[in-house]
């Protein structure tokens, strides 16, 4: 995770009240990053600072939503759903993780990594779209019932893999770097009988991979090597096979490619495609996992 976050004029959307609120959010997160590096102050100060960040974020969302309604912003519903996801799902889940761990440095890094990435991506894309400075990326969001079924099935598959309780962190994961260490990213490409590509992206935090494989193989696995990558490729294919029925498409054809990607390659691809199915999970105490899918409509 980046250790520095600073306001830059490229984040301006052109509405003074909203720009000032965004500057304040950047300032708060910057101070939290610094606090998390100071072991003596980290626990109490981070707890109080995160409460302040949450309260300020909730107020800002309400103000921004009121502004969008005042100008009859046509994409208000989708924009609000992104706010709702962070407000009602992501922040509470991250808070619960931090409380359970006693505000450990790792849990705070998860919180800050997701918040830094969310602020950057949401402001540059969705907030700037309010004033027409950029086109919005979230053009299609799956039905909540479909997402709920997929969430349940993914949690079951993830718990089977990790032998740990899993929790959804976000149903609107936007490609944030949730890990302070390494990740393993795979892109599985299927080709439908109609010739359309169907792509799934699976992103595993390194700690999750090492602990899961150590238990599966009954061996102490401490680093990512070719054996680990090969094993995770195979497990990823099995993972998707368990989930296929939860996407609104039956014509998957056969697996065409299974590619290892760097996290940077994944983010660049994500920013081009913005997969409508995009979820982030935590396997308690073991690490984070993201599932994204670019599935053409039926």
C-alpha atoms as a PDB file:
ATOM      1  CA  UNK A   1       0.000   0.000   0.000  1.00  0.00           C
ATOM      2  CA  UNK A   2       1.208   3.491  -0.752  1.00  0.00           C
ATOM      3  CA  UNK A   3       2.516   5.313   2.330  1.00  0.00           C
ATOM      4  CA  UNK A   4       1.529   8.704   1.020  1.00  0.00           C
ATOM      5  CA  UNK A   5      -1.683  10.143  -0.321  1.00  0.00           C
ATOM      6  CA  UNK A   6      -1.898  13.758  -1.365  1.00  0.00           C
ATOM      7  CA  UNK A   7      -4.522  15.942  -2.953  1.00  0.00           C
ATOM      8  CA  UNK A   8      -3.883  16.794  -6.570  1.00  0.00           C
ATOM      9  CA  UNK A   9      -5.844  19.173  -8.792  1.00  0.00           C
ATOM     10  CA  UNK A  10      -6.613  16.279 -11.137  1.00  0.00           C
ATOM     11  CA  UNK A  11      -9.155  15.206  -8.489  1.00  0.00           C
ATOM     12  CA  UNK A  12     -11.160  18.432  -8.861  1.00  0.00           C
ATOM     13  CA  UNK A  13     -14.701  18.034 -10.096  1.00  0.00           C
ATOM     14  CA  UNK A  14     -15.405  21.781 -10.198  1.00  0.00           C
ATOM     15  CA  UNK A  15     -17.849  22.032  -7.263  1.00  0.00           C
ATOM     16  CA  UNK A  16     -16.104  23.858  -4.401  1.00  0.00           C
ATOM     17  CA  UNK A  17     -18.027  22.223  -1.553  1.00  0.00           C
ATOM     18  CA  UNK A  18     -17.370  18.715  -2.900  1.00  0.00           C
ATOM     19  CA  UNK A  19     -13.723  19.449  -3.770  1.00  0.00           C
ATOM     20  CA  UNK A  20     -13.120  20.783  -0.251  1.00  0.00           C
ATOM     21  CA  UNK A  21     -14.671  17.681   1.283  1.00  0.00           C
ATOM     22  CA  UNK A  22     -12.466  15.472  -0.890  1.00  0.00           C
ATOM     23  CA  UNK A  23      -9.376  17.429   0.208  1.00  0.00           C
ATOM     24  CA  UNK A  24     -10.374  16.822   3.826  1.00  0.00           C
ATOM     25  CA  UNK A  25     -10.785  13.083   3.218  1.00  0.00           C
ATOM     26  CA  UNK A  26      -7.324  12.922   1.642  1.00  0.00           C
ATOM     27  CA  UNK A  27      -5.899  14.742   4.658  1.00  0.00           C
ATOM     28  CA  UNK A  28      -7.559  12.356   7.125  1.00  0.00           C
ATOM     29  CA  UNK A  29      -6.357   9.239   5.302  1.00  0.00           C
ATOM     30  CA  UNK A  30      -2.840  10.688   5.013  1.00  0.00           C
ATOM     31  CA  UNK A  31      -2.723  11.180   8.798  1.00  0.00           C
ATOM     32  CA  UNK A  32      -4.044   7.654   9.385  1.00  0.00           C
ATOM     33  CA  UNK A  33      -1.303   6.201   7.191  1.00  0.00           C
ATOM     34  CA  UNK A  34       1.314   8.078   9.218  1.00  0.00           C
ATOM     35  CA  UNK A  35      -0.259   6.923  12.503  1.00  0.00           C
ATOM     36  CA  UNK A  36      -0.251   3.305  11.410  1.00  0.00           C
ATOM     37  CA  UNK A  37       3.511   3.512  10.916  1.00  0.00           C
ATOM     38  CA  UNK A  38       3.975   4.735  14.509  1.00  0.00           C
ATOM     39  CA  UNK A  39       3.688   1.633  16.692  1.00  0.00           C
ATOM     40  CA  UNK A  40       3.443   3.584  19.948  1.00  0.00           C
ATOM     41  CA  UNK A  41       0.419   5.583  18.763  1.00  0.00           C
ATOM     42  CA  UNK A  42      -1.026   3.161  16.267  1.00  0.00           C
ATOM     43  CA  UNK A  43      -3.818   1.397  18.144  1.00  0.00           C
ATOM     44  CA  UNK A  44      -5.694   4.132  20.028  1.00  0.00           C
ATOM     45  CA  UNK A  45      -5.010   6.893  17.504  1.00  0.00           C
ATOM     46  CA  UNK A  46      -6.078   4.757  14.549  1.00  0.00           C
ATOM     47  CA  UNK A  47      -9.295   3.740  16.294  1.00  0.00           C
ATOM     48  CA  UNK A  48     -10.243   7.361  16.919  1.00  0.00           C
ATOM     49  CA  UNK A  49      -9.017   8.542  13.517  1.00  0.00           C
ATOM     50  CA  UNK A  50     -10.989   5.881  11.684  1.00  0.00           C
ATOM     51  CA  UNK A  51     -14.164   6.839  13.541  1.00  0.00           C
ATOM     52  CA  UNK A  52     -13.609  10.426  12.436  1.00  0.00           C
ATOM     53  CA  UNK A  53     -12.968   9.334   8.845  1.00  0.00           C
ATOM     54  CA  UNK A  54     -16.164   7.261   8.831  1.00  0.00           C
ATOM     55  CA  UNK A  55     -18.319  10.057  10.256  1.00  0.00           C
ATOM     56  CA  UNK A  56     -16.914  12.618   7.845  1.00  0.00           C
ATOM     57  CA  UNK A  57     -17.397  10.236   4.908  1.00  0.00           C
ATOM     58  CA  UNK A  58     -21.043   9.650   5.819  1.00  0.00           C
ATOM     59  CA  UNK A  59     -21.682  13.409   5.989  1.00  0.00           C
ATOM     60  CA  UNK A  60     -19.893  13.969   2.685  1.00  0.00           C
ATOM     61  CA  UNK A  61     -21.927  11.249   0.953  1.00  0.00           C
ATOM     62  CA  UNK A  62     -25.164  12.815   2.172  1.00  0.00           C
ATOM     63  CA  UNK A  63     -24.083  16.259   0.944  1.00  0.00           C
ATOM     64  CA  UNK A  64     -22.917  14.930  -2.422  1.00  0.00           C
ATOM     65  CA  UNK A  65     -26.130  12.956  -2.921  1.00  0.00           C
ATOM     66  CA  UNK A  66     -28.192  16.056  -2.098  1.00  0.00           C
ATOM     67  CA  UNK A  67     -26.239  17.992  -4.724  1.00  0.00           C
ATOM     68  CA  UNK A  68     -26.781  15.296  -7.372  1.00  0.00           C
ATOM     69  CA  UNK A  69     -30.503  15.328  -6.663  1.00  0.00           C
ATOM     70  CA  UNK A  70     -30.597  19.130  -6.858  1.00  0.00           C
ATOM     71  CA  UNK A  71     -29.258  19.037 -10.429  1.00  0.00           C
ATOM     72  CA  UNK A  72     -31.306  15.937 -11.386  1.00  0.00           C
ATOM     73  CA  UNK A  73     -28.143  13.970 -12.113  1.00  0.00           C
ATOM     74  CA  UNK A  74     -29.334  11.157 -14.415  1.00  0.00           C
ATOM     75  CA  UNK A  75     -27.020   8.498 -12.957  1.00  0.00           C
ATOM     76  CA  UNK A  76     -27.837   9.262  -9.334  1.00  0.00           C
ATOM     77  CA  UNK A  77     -29.137   5.753  -8.551  1.00  0.00           C
ATOM     78  CA  UNK A  78     -25.945   3.978  -9.635  1.00  0.00           C
ATOM     79  CA  UNK A  79     -23.728   6.572  -7.954  1.00  0.00           C
ATOM     80  CA  UNK A  80     -25.677   6.284  -4.696  1.00  0.00           C
ATOM     81  CA  UNK A  81     -25.431   2.496  -4.813  1.00  0.00           C
ATOM     82  CA  UNK A  82     -21.617   2.844  -4.827  1.00  0.00           C
ATOM     83  CA  UNK A  83     -21.825   5.096  -1.769  1.00  0.00           C
ATOM     84  CA  UNK A  84     -24.239   2.654  -0.105  1.00  0.00           C
ATOM     85  CA  UNK A  85     -21.868  -0.256  -0.699  1.00  0.00           C
ATOM     86  CA  UNK A  86     -18.957   1.515   1.002  1.00  0.00           C
ATOM     87  CA  UNK A  87     -21.138   2.961   3.763  1.00  0.00           C
ATOM     88  CA  UNK A  88     -23.264  -0.093   4.578  1.00  0.00           C
ATOM     89  CA  UNK A  89     -21.038  -3.024   3.663  1.00  0.00           C
ATOM     90  CA  UNK A  90     -17.341  -2.215   3.260  1.00  0.00           C
ATOM     91  CA  UNK A  91     -16.618   0.125   6.168  1.00  0.00           C
ATOM     92  CA  UNK A  92     -18.617  -1.938   8.726  1.00  0.00           C
ATOM     93  CA  UNK A  93     -16.862  -5.151   7.587  1.00  0.00           C
ATOM     94  CA  UNK A  94     -13.432  -3.521   7.806  1.00  0.00           C
ATOM     95  CA  UNK A  95     -14.289  -2.044  11.214  1.00  0.00           C
ATOM     96  CA  UNK A  96     -15.349  -5.467  12.497  1.00  0.00           C
ATOM     97  CA  UNK A  97     -12.056  -6.957  11.310  1.00  0.00           C
ATOM     98  CA  UNK A  98     -10.055  -4.217  13.047  1.00  0.00           C
ATOM     99  CA  UNK A  99     -12.016  -4.541  16.290  1.00  0.00           C
ATOM    100  CA  UNK A 100     -11.595  -8.308  16.329  1.00  0.00           C
ATOM    101  CA  UNK A 101      -7.827  -8.014  15.798  1.00  0.00           C
ATOM    102  CA  UNK A 102      -7.403  -5.191  18.308  1.00  0.00           C
ATOM    103  CA  UNK A 103      -6.591  -2.764  15.496  1.00  0.00           C
ATOM    104  CA  UNK A 104      -3.591  -4.776  14.363  1.00  0.00           C
ATOM    105  CA  UNK A 105      -1.271  -3.126  11.850  1.00  0.00           C
ATOM    106  CA  UNK A 106      -2.362  -5.616   9.174  1.00  0.00           C
ATOM    107  CA  UNK A 107      -6.092  -4.976   9.638  1.00  0.00           C
ATOM    108  CA  UNK A 108      -5.524  -1.218   9.534  1.00  0.00           C
ATOM    109  CA  UNK A 109      -3.450  -1.642   6.359  1.00  0.00           C
ATOM    110  CA  UNK A 110      -6.391  -3.491   4.802  1.00  0.00           C
ATOM    111  CA  UNK A 111      -8.684  -0.619   5.764  1.00  0.00           C
ATOM    112  CA  UNK A 112      -6.342   2.078   4.485  1.00  0.00           C
ATOM    113  CA  UNK A 113      -5.456   0.243   1.284  1.00  0.00           C
ATOM    114  CA  UNK A 114      -9.097  -0.090   0.321  1.00  0.00           C
ATOM    115  CA  UNK A 115      -9.943   3.496   1.325  1.00  0.00           C
ATOM    116  CA  UNK A 116      -6.969   4.969  -0.581  1.00  0.00           C
ATOM    117  CA  UNK A 117      -7.865   3.001  -3.704  1.00  0.00           C
ATOM    118  CA  UNK A 118     -11.563   3.794  -3.387  1.00  0.00           C
ATOM    119  CA  UNK A 119     -10.954   7.532  -2.965  1.00  0.00           C
ATOM    120  CA  UNK A 120      -8.658   7.683  -5.976  1.00  0.00           C
ATOM    121  CA  UNK A 121     -10.847   5.647  -8.288  1.00  0.00           C
ATOM    122  CA  UNK A 122     -14.235   6.961  -7.204  1.00  0.00           C
ATOM    123  CA  UNK A 123     -13.305  10.644  -7.351  1.00  0.00           C
ATOM    124  CA  UNK A 124     -11.440  10.469 -10.651  1.00  0.00           C
ATOM    125  CA  UNK A 125     -14.171   8.490 -12.406  1.00  0.00           C
ATOM    126  CA  UNK A 126     -17.588   8.627 -10.763  1.00  0.00           C
ATOM    127  CA  UNK A 127     -17.419  12.020  -9.044  1.00  0.00           C
ATOM    128  CA  UNK A 128     -15.903  13.779 -12.063  1.00  0.00           C
ATOM    129  CA  UNK A 129     -18.712  12.271 -14.140  1.00  0.00           C
ATOM    130  CA  UNK A 130     -21.194  14.380 -12.129  1.00  0.00           C
ATOM    131  CA  UNK A 131     -19.928  17.502 -13.901  1.00  0.00           C
ATOM    132  CA  UNK A 132     -19.288  15.757 -17.223  1.00  0.00           C
ATOM    133  CA  UNK A 133     -15.502  15.752 -16.880  1.00  0.00           C
ATOM    134  CA  UNK A 134     -15.260  11.986 -17.394  1.00  0.00           C
ATOM    135  CA  UNK A 135     -17.648   9.248 -18.511  1.00  0.00           C
ATOM    136  CA  UNK A 136     -18.764   7.043 -15.629  1.00  0.00           C
ATOM    137  CA  UNK A 137     -17.510   3.462 -15.675  1.00  0.00           C
ATOM    138  CA  UNK A 138     -20.180   1.586 -13.720  1.00  0.00           C
ATOM    139  CA  UNK A 139     -22.713   1.403 -16.548  1.00  0.00           C
ATOM    140  CA  UNK A 140     -24.374  -1.846 -15.511  1.00  0.00           C
ATOM    141  CA  UNK A 141     -24.836  -3.310 -12.033  1.00  0.00           C
ATOM    142  CA  UNK A 142     -26.265  -6.794 -11.509  1.00  0.00           C
ATOM    143  CA  UNK A 143     -29.492  -7.294  -9.599  1.00  0.00           C
ATOM    144  CA  UNK A 144     -29.015  -7.468  -5.813  1.00  0.00           C
ATOM    145  CA  UNK A 145     -30.610 -10.929  -5.655  1.00  0.00           C
ATOM    146  CA  UNK A 146     -28.129 -12.244  -8.236  1.00  0.00           C
ATOM    147  CA  UNK A 147     -25.244 -10.735  -6.272  1.00  0.00           C
ATOM    148  CA  UNK A 148     -26.537 -12.195  -3.001  1.00  0.00           C
ATOM    149  CA  UNK A 149     -26.638 -15.710  -4.516  1.00  0.00           C
ATOM    150  CA  UNK A 150     -23.153 -15.277  -5.977  1.00  0.00           C
ATOM    151  CA  UNK A 151     -21.874 -13.922  -2.657  1.00  0.00           C
ATOM    152  CA  UNK A 152     -23.183 -16.958  -0.773  1.00  0.00           C
ATOM    153  CA  UNK A 153     -21.751 -19.431  -3.289  1.00  0.00           C
ATOM    154  CA  UNK A 154     -18.359 -17.677  -3.292  1.00  0.00           C
ATOM    155  CA  UNK A 155     -18.190 -17.659   0.499  1.00  0.00           C
ATOM    156  CA  UNK A 156     -18.872 -21.405   0.534  1.00  0.00           C
ATOM    157  CA  UNK A 157     -16.159 -22.027  -2.068  1.00  0.00           C
ATOM    158  CA  UNK A 158     -13.701 -19.738  -0.288  1.00  0.00           C
ATOM    159  CA  UNK A 159     -14.335 -21.388   3.083  1.00  0.00           C
ATOM    160  CA  UNK A 160     -13.755 -24.780   1.470  1.00  0.00           C
ATOM    161  CA  UNK A 161     -10.430 -23.547   0.083  1.00  0.00           C
ATOM    162  CA  UNK A 162      -9.188 -21.633   3.137  1.00  0.00           C
ATOM    163  CA  UNK A 163     -10.826 -23.550   6.009  1.00  0.00           C
ATOM    164  CA  UNK A 164     -11.725 -20.161   7.513  1.00  0.00           C
ATOM    165  CA  UNK A 165     -14.901 -18.160   7.931  1.00  0.00           C
ATOM    166  CA  UNK A 166     -15.308 -15.798   4.987  1.00  0.00           C
ATOM    167  CA  UNK A 167     -17.024 -12.426   4.859  1.00  0.00           C
ATOM    168  CA  UNK A 168     -17.948 -10.202   1.956  1.00  0.00           C
ATOM    169  CA  UNK A 169     -16.172  -6.839   2.187  1.00  0.00           C
ATOM    170  CA  UNK A 170     -17.641  -5.248  -0.935  1.00  0.00           C
ATOM    171  CA  UNK A 171     -20.057  -6.049  -3.756  1.00  0.00           C
ATOM    172  CA  UNK A 172     -18.625  -3.076  -5.659  1.00  0.00           C
ATOM    173  CA  UNK A 173     -14.915  -3.841  -5.549  1.00  0.00           C
ATOM    174  CA  UNK A 174     -13.139  -1.332  -7.811  1.00  0.00           C
ATOM    175  CA  UNK A 175      -9.642  -2.758  -8.167  1.00  0.00           C
ATOM    176  CA  UNK A 176      -8.201  -1.320  -4.942  1.00  0.00           C
ATOM    177  CA  UNK A 177      -4.878  -2.719  -3.756  1.00  0.00           C
ATOM    178  CA  UNK A 178      -6.068  -4.443  -0.589  1.00  0.00           C
ATOM    179  CA  UNK A 179      -2.715  -6.049   0.262  1.00  0.00           C
ATOM    180  CA  UNK A 180       0.451  -4.547   1.717  1.00  0.00           C
ATOM    181  CA  UNK A 181       2.333  -7.538   0.315  1.00  0.00           C
ATOM    182  CA  UNK A 182       2.087  -9.609  -2.847  1.00  0.00           C
ATOM    183  CA  UNK A 183      -0.936 -10.968  -4.652  1.00  0.00           C
ATOM    184  CA  UNK A 184      -1.585 -13.759  -7.134  1.00  0.00           C
ATOM    185  CA  UNK A 185      -3.894 -12.765  -9.994  1.00  0.00           C
ATOM    186  CA  UNK A 186      -5.380 -15.101 -12.587  1.00  0.00           C
ATOM    187  CA  UNK A 187      -7.520 -14.345 -15.642  1.00  0.00           C
ATOM    188  CA  UNK A 188      -9.591 -17.283 -16.864  1.00  0.00           C
ATOM    189  CA  UNK A 189     -11.010 -16.807 -20.352  1.00  0.00           C
ATOM    190  CA  UNK A 190     -13.850 -18.894 -21.747  1.00  0.00           C
ATOM    191  CA  UNK A 191     -15.345 -18.605 -25.225  1.00  0.00           C
ATOM    192  CA  UNK A 192     -19.068 -19.027 -25.626  1.00  0.00           C
ATOM    193  CA  UNK A 193     -20.493 -20.983 -28.534  1.00  0.00           C
ATOM    194  CA  UNK A 194     -21.523 -17.633 -29.959  1.00  0.00           C
ATOM    195  CA  UNK A 195     -17.887 -16.518 -29.918  1.00  0.00           C
ATOM    196  CA  UNK A 196     -18.134 -14.057 -27.024  1.00  0.00           C
ATOM    197  CA  UNK A 197     -15.246 -13.975 -24.516  1.00  0.00           C
ATOM    198  CA  UNK A 198     -16.179 -14.542 -20.870  1.00  0.00           C
ATOM    199  CA  UNK A 199     -13.455 -13.492 -18.434  1.00  0.00           C
ATOM    200  CA  UNK A 200     -13.061 -14.186 -14.735  1.00  0.00           C
ATOM    201  CA  UNK A 201     -10.425 -12.539 -12.550  1.00  0.00           C
ATOM    202  CA  UNK A 202      -9.357 -14.079  -9.250  1.00  0.00           C
ATOM    203  CA  UNK A 203      -7.035 -12.092  -6.994  1.00  0.00           C
ATOM    204  CA  UNK A 204      -5.568 -13.775  -3.905  1.00  0.00           C
ATOM    205  CA  UNK A 205      -3.605 -12.115  -1.143  1.00  0.00           C
ATOM    206  CA  UNK A 206      -0.296 -13.952  -0.698  1.00  0.00           C
ATOM    207  CA  UNK A 207      -0.990 -14.828   2.937  1.00  0.00           C
ATOM    208  CA  UNK A 208      -4.246 -16.550   1.930  1.00  0.00           C
ATOM    209  CA  UNK A 209      -2.487 -18.598  -0.755  1.00  0.00           C
ATOM    210  CA  UNK A 210       0.334 -19.754   1.511  1.00  0.00           C
ATOM    211  CA  UNK A 211      -1.901 -20.706   4.431  1.00  0.00           C
ATOM    212  CA  UNK A 212      -4.500 -22.432   2.265  1.00  0.00           C
ATOM    213  CA  UNK A 213      -1.949 -24.519   0.374  1.00  0.00           C
ATOM    214  CA  UNK A 214      -0.055 -25.355   3.573  1.00  0.00           C
ATOM    215  CA  UNK A 215      -3.233 -26.903   4.958  1.00  0.00           C
ATOM    216  CA  UNK A 216      -4.211 -28.635   1.720  1.00  0.00           C
ATOM    217  CA  UNK A 217      -0.733 -30.173   1.230  1.00  0.00           C
ATOM    218  CA  UNK A 218      -0.004 -30.628   4.953  1.00  0.00           C
ATOM    219  CA  UNK A 219       3.296 -28.888   4.377  1.00  0.00           C
ATOM    220  CA  UNK A 220       4.722 -25.545   5.495  1.00  0.00           C
ATOM    221  CA  UNK A 221       4.574 -23.395   2.333  1.00  0.00           C
ATOM    222  CA  UNK A 222       6.382 -20.093   2.870  1.00  0.00           C
ATOM    223  CA  UNK A 223       6.874 -18.542  -0.563  1.00  0.00           C
ATOM    224  CA  UNK A 224       5.239 -18.250  -3.944  1.00  0.00           C
ATOM    225  CA  UNK A 225       7.022 -20.473  -6.471  1.00  0.00           C
ATOM    226  CA  UNK A 226       6.113 -22.336  -9.660  1.00  0.00           C
ATOM    227  CA  UNK A 227       4.501 -25.186  -7.717  1.00  0.00           C
ATOM    228  CA  UNK A 228       2.289 -22.744  -5.812  1.00  0.00           C
ATOM    229  CA  UNK A 229       1.306 -20.878  -8.982  1.00  0.00           C
ATOM    230  CA  UNK A 230       0.452 -24.132 -10.776  1.00  0.00           C
ATOM    231  CA  UNK A 231      -1.606 -25.365  -7.835  1.00  0.00           C
ATOM    232  CA  UNK A 232      -3.513 -22.082  -7.586  1.00  0.00           C
ATOM    233  CA  UNK A 233      -4.220 -22.121 -11.321  1.00  0.00           C
ATOM    234  CA  UNK A 234      -5.871 -25.519 -10.964  1.00  0.00           C
ATOM    235  CA  UNK A 235      -7.761 -24.472  -7.829  1.00  0.00           C
ATOM    236  CA  UNK A 236      -8.953 -21.334  -9.615  1.00  0.00           C
ATOM    237  CA  UNK A 237     -10.452 -23.400 -12.418  1.00  0.00           C
ATOM    238  CA  UNK A 238     -12.258 -25.553  -9.862  1.00  0.00           C
ATOM    239  CA  UNK A 239     -13.394 -22.399  -8.072  1.00  0.00           C
ATOM    240  CA  UNK A 240     -15.029 -20.987 -11.210  1.00  0.00           C
ATOM    241  CA  UNK A 241     -16.626 -24.332 -12.053  1.00  0.00           C
ATOM    242  CA  UNK A 242     -18.386 -24.198  -8.686  1.00  0.00           C
ATOM    243  CA  UNK A 243     -19.718 -20.707  -9.398  1.00  0.00           C
ATOM    244  CA  UNK A 244     -20.802 -20.889 -13.043  1.00  0.00           C
ATOM    245  CA  UNK A 245     -24.450 -21.501 -12.313  1.00  0.00           C
ATOM    246  CA  UNK A 246     -24.624 -18.243 -10.346  1.00  0.00           C
ATOM    247  CA  UNK A 247     -23.967 -16.031 -13.361  1.00  0.00           C
ATOM    248  CA  UNK A 248     -26.816 -15.221 -15.789  1.00  0.00           C
ATOM    249  CA  UNK A 249     -25.272 -17.177 -18.651  1.00  0.00           C
ATOM    250  CA  UNK A 250     -25.346 -20.881 -19.409  1.00  0.00           C
ATOM    251  CA  UNK A 251     -23.282 -20.966 -22.600  1.00  0.00           C
ATOM    252  CA  UNK A 252     -19.727 -20.909 -21.202  1.00  0.00           C
ATOM    253  CA  UNK A 253     -18.061 -23.252 -23.653  1.00  0.00           C
ATOM    254  CA  UNK A 254     -14.656 -24.517 -22.547  1.00  0.00           C
ATOM    255  CA  UNK A 255     -11.740 -22.842 -20.833  1.00  0.00           C
ATOM    256  CA  UNK A 256      -9.581 -21.131 -23.451  1.00  0.00           C
ATOM    257  CA  UNK A 257      -6.811 -19.568 -21.343  1.00  0.00           C
ATOM    258  CA  UNK A 258      -5.700 -19.325 -17.728  1.00  0.00           C
ATOM    259  CA  UNK A 259      -3.194 -16.479 -17.440  1.00  0.00           C
ATOM    260  CA  UNK A 260      -1.127 -15.319 -14.493  1.00  0.00           C
ATOM    261  CA  UNK A 261      -1.192 -11.511 -14.219  1.00  0.00           C
ATOM    262  CA  UNK A 262       0.631  -8.974 -12.104  1.00  0.00           C
ATOM    263  CA  UNK A 263      -1.601  -6.837  -9.905  1.00  0.00           C
ATOM    264  CA  UNK A 264      -0.696  -3.823 -12.070  1.00  0.00           C
ATOM    265  CA  UNK A 265      -1.855  -5.694 -15.196  1.00  0.00           C
ATOM    266  CA  UNK A 266      -5.077  -6.629 -13.429  1.00  0.00           C
ATOM    267  CA  UNK A 267      -5.772  -3.001 -12.446  1.00  0.00           C
ATOM    268  CA  UNK A 268      -5.126  -1.731 -15.982  1.00  0.00           C
ATOM    269  CA  UNK A 269      -7.459  -4.391 -17.385  1.00  0.00           C
ATOM    270  CA  UNK A 270     -10.072  -3.668 -14.712  1.00  0.00           C
ATOM    271  CA  UNK A 271     -10.002   0.053 -15.548  1.00  0.00           C
ATOM    272  CA  UNK A 272     -10.696  -0.754 -19.207  1.00  0.00           C
ATOM    273  CA  UNK A 273     -13.466  -3.288 -18.601  1.00  0.00           C
ATOM    274  CA  UNK A 274     -15.002  -2.445 -15.200  1.00  0.00           C
ATOM    275  CA  UNK A 275     -16.456  -5.959 -14.735  1.00  0.00           C
ATOM    276  CA  UNK A 276     -20.045  -5.647 -13.493  1.00  0.00           C
ATOM    277  CA  UNK A 277     -19.563  -8.608 -11.136  1.00  0.00           C
ATOM    278  CA  UNK A 278     -16.849  -7.494  -8.737  1.00  0.00           C
ATOM    279  CA  UNK A 279     -16.702  -8.709  -5.130  1.00  0.00           C
ATOM    280  CA  UNK A 280     -14.096  -8.563  -2.369  1.00  0.00           C
ATOM    281  CA  UNK A 281     -13.927 -11.082   0.502  1.00  0.00           C
ATOM    282  CA  UNK A 282     -11.955 -11.719   3.665  1.00  0.00           C
ATOM    283  CA  UNK A 283     -11.067 -15.218   4.831  1.00  0.00           C
ATOM    284  CA  UNK A 284     -10.814 -14.501   8.545  1.00  0.00           C
ATOM    285  CA  UNK A 285      -7.204 -14.163   9.677  1.00  0.00           C
ATOM    286  CA  UNK A 286      -5.800 -15.547   6.431  1.00  0.00           C
ATOM    287  CA  UNK A 287      -6.163 -12.877   3.796  1.00  0.00           C
ATOM    288  CA  UNK A 288      -8.305 -11.229   1.149  1.00  0.00           C
ATOM    289  CA  UNK A 289      -9.718 -12.497  -2.137  1.00  0.00           C
ATOM    290  CA  UNK A 290     -11.364 -10.693  -5.054  1.00  0.00           C
ATOM    291  CA  UNK A 291     -13.618 -12.198  -7.710  1.00  0.00           C
ATOM    292  CA  UNK A 292     -14.443 -10.196 -10.836  1.00  0.00           C
ATOM    293  CA  UNK A 293     -16.319 -11.340 -13.924  1.00  0.00           C
ATOM    294  CA  UNK A 294     -16.889  -9.810 -17.333  1.00  0.00           C
ATOM    295  CA  UNK A 295     -19.926 -11.763 -18.461  1.00  0.00           C
ATOM    296  CA  UNK A 296     -21.788 -10.587 -21.571  1.00  0.00           C
ATOM    297  CA  UNK A 297     -25.534 -10.093 -21.094  1.00  0.00           C
ATOM    298  CA  UNK A 298     -27.847 -12.880 -22.186  1.00  0.00           C
END
